[in-house]
């Protein structure tokens, strides 16, 4: 049953990455830093990404090891920092993550999706 879940997990991550990126598309950083609604929407998707990464690390350890270039542990760690220190979130880090790390992650996940579904 868990083997069937892996494609779903990758799809969930891709949706969350796409949503987080779309929320800030064309938005200057200063606007993001003043927009609580967008901040919360992006943070929620980072939590989803981290939750899925945690499940992959737990239930699909061999897969995670075979795809060690994907920052599974970093995503899990970011989720834990956000969830346990919600009022201390570093919005500069969130911004940088959405601007640089998530587009890279999207490309990695799209490649993985092709590999596991093909």
Protein backbone atom coordinates (compact mmCIF):
# COMPACT_ATOMS: atom_id res chain seq x y z
CA UNK A 1 0.00 0.00 0.00
CA UNK A 2 2.76 2.50 0.81
CA UNK A 3 4.44 1.98 -2.57
CA UNK A 4 1.32 3.35 -4.25
CA UNK A 5 1.55 6.42 -2.01
CA UNK A 6 4.89 7.62 -3.32
CA UNK A 7 3.50 9.11 -6.57
CA UNK A 8 0.76 10.76 -4.50
CA UNK A 9 3.35 12.25 -2.15
CA UNK A 10 5.31 13.68 -5.06
CA UNK A 11 2.08 15.13 -6.51
CA UNK A 12 1.16 16.70 -3.15
CA UNK A 13 4.58 18.31 -2.95
CA UNK A 14 4.33 19.63 -6.50
CA UNK A 15 0.93 21.18 -5.78
CA UNK A 16 2.22 22.83 -2.59
CA UNK A 17 5.33 24.13 -4.37
CA UNK A 18 3.20 25.52 -7.19
CA UNK A 19 0.81 27.22 -4.82
CA UNK A 20 3.53 28.78 -2.68
CA UNK A 21 5.31 30.13 -5.74
CA UNK A 22 2.11 31.42 -7.33
CA UNK A 23 1.20 33.40 -4.20
CA UNK A 24 4.33 35.53 -4.50
CA UNK A 25 4.63 35.65 -8.28
CA UNK A 26 5.34 39.22 -9.31
CA UNK A 27 5.24 40.39 -5.68
CA UNK A 28 8.12 42.52 -4.39
CA UNK A 29 9.72 41.28 -1.17
CA UNK A 30 8.61 44.37 0.77
CA UNK A 31 4.99 43.69 -0.15
CA UNK A 32 5.37 40.09 0.99
CA UNK A 33 6.83 41.23 4.32
CA UNK A 34 3.74 43.39 4.89
CA UNK A 35 1.12 40.90 3.66
CA UNK A 36 0.12 38.53 6.48
CA UNK A 37 -2.35 36.64 4.31
CA UNK A 38 0.26 35.77 1.70
CA UNK A 39 2.78 34.92 4.41
CA UNK A 40 0.35 32.48 5.99
CA UNK A 41 -0.54 30.91 2.65
CA UNK A 42 3.10 30.38 1.77
CA UNK A 43 3.97 29.07 5.24
CA UNK A 44 1.07 26.60 5.12
CA UNK A 45 2.43 25.18 1.88
CA UNK A 46 5.94 24.94 3.36
CA UNK A 47 4.41 22.92 6.21
CA UNK A 48 2.70 20.62 3.69
CA UNK A 49 5.99 20.15 1.83
CA UNK A 50 7.76 19.34 5.10
CA UNK A 51 5.05 16.91 6.18
CA UNK A 52 5.32 15.02 2.92
CA UNK A 53 9.12 15.00 3.12
CA UNK A 54 8.81 13.53 6.62
CA UNK A 55 6.54 10.77 5.31
CA UNK A 56 8.93 10.00 2.47
CA UNK A 57 11.88 9.82 4.88
CA UNK A 58 9.92 7.52 7.18
CA UNK A 59 8.05 5.29 4.73
CA UNK A 60 10.33 5.40 1.67
CA UNK A 61 13.83 5.66 3.12
CA UNK A 62 15.45 3.79 0.23
CA UNK A 63 13.79 6.12 -2.29
CA UNK A 64 14.95 9.16 -0.30
CA UNK A 65 18.49 7.80 -0.23
CA UNK A 66 18.42 7.15 -3.98
CA UNK A 67 17.33 10.78 -4.44
CA UNK A 68 19.73 12.27 -1.91
CA UNK A 69 20.10 15.46 -3.98
CA UNK A 70 16.57 16.39 -2.88
CA UNK A 71 16.77 18.18 0.49
CA UNK A 72 14.31 15.90 2.32
CA UNK A 73 15.81 16.54 5.76
CA UNK A 74 15.96 20.29 5.22
CA UNK A 75 12.28 20.35 4.26
CA UNK A 76 11.42 18.31 7.35
CA UNK A 77 13.53 20.64 9.49
CA UNK A 78 11.89 23.76 8.09
CA UNK A 79 8.46 22.29 8.76
CA UNK A 80 9.45 21.56 12.37
CA UNK A 81 10.85 25.07 12.90
CA UNK A 82 7.67 26.64 11.49
CA UNK A 83 5.26 24.38 13.36
CA UNK A 84 7.01 24.67 16.71
CA UNK A 85 8.05 28.31 16.53
CA UNK A 86 5.24 29.86 14.53
CA UNK A 87 5.62 33.33 16.01
CA UNK A 88 9.37 33.31 15.39
CA UNK A 89 9.29 32.54 11.66
CA UNK A 90 12.06 34.25 9.74
CA UNK A 91 10.19 35.78 6.82
CA UNK A 92 13.44 36.55 4.99
CA UNK A 93 14.18 32.82 5.01
CA UNK A 94 10.65 32.04 3.83
CA UNK A 95 11.04 34.56 1.00
CA UNK A 96 14.41 33.13 -0.07
CA UNK A 97 13.00 29.61 0.07
CA UNK A 98 10.12 30.50 -2.24
CA UNK A 99 12.34 32.45 -4.62
CA UNK A 100 15.23 29.98 -4.95
CA UNK A 101 14.74 26.61 -3.24
CA UNK A 102 11.19 25.89 -4.36
CA UNK A 103 11.82 26.40 -8.10
CA UNK A 104 14.80 24.03 -7.79
CA UNK A 105 12.67 21.56 -5.83
CA UNK A 106 9.94 21.74 -8.47
CA UNK A 107 12.41 20.76 -11.19
CA UNK A 108 13.72 17.88 -9.09
CA UNK A 109 10.23 16.61 -8.29
CA UNK A 110 9.11 16.81 -11.92
CA UNK A 111 12.09 14.68 -12.93
CA UNK A 112 11.35 12.18 -10.14
CA UNK A 113 7.69 12.04 -11.14
CA UNK A 114 8.65 11.09 -14.68
CA UNK A 115 10.99 8.40 -13.37
CA UNK A 116 8.51 6.78 -10.98
CA UNK A 117 5.51 6.97 -13.29
CA UNK A 118 7.33 5.91 -16.43
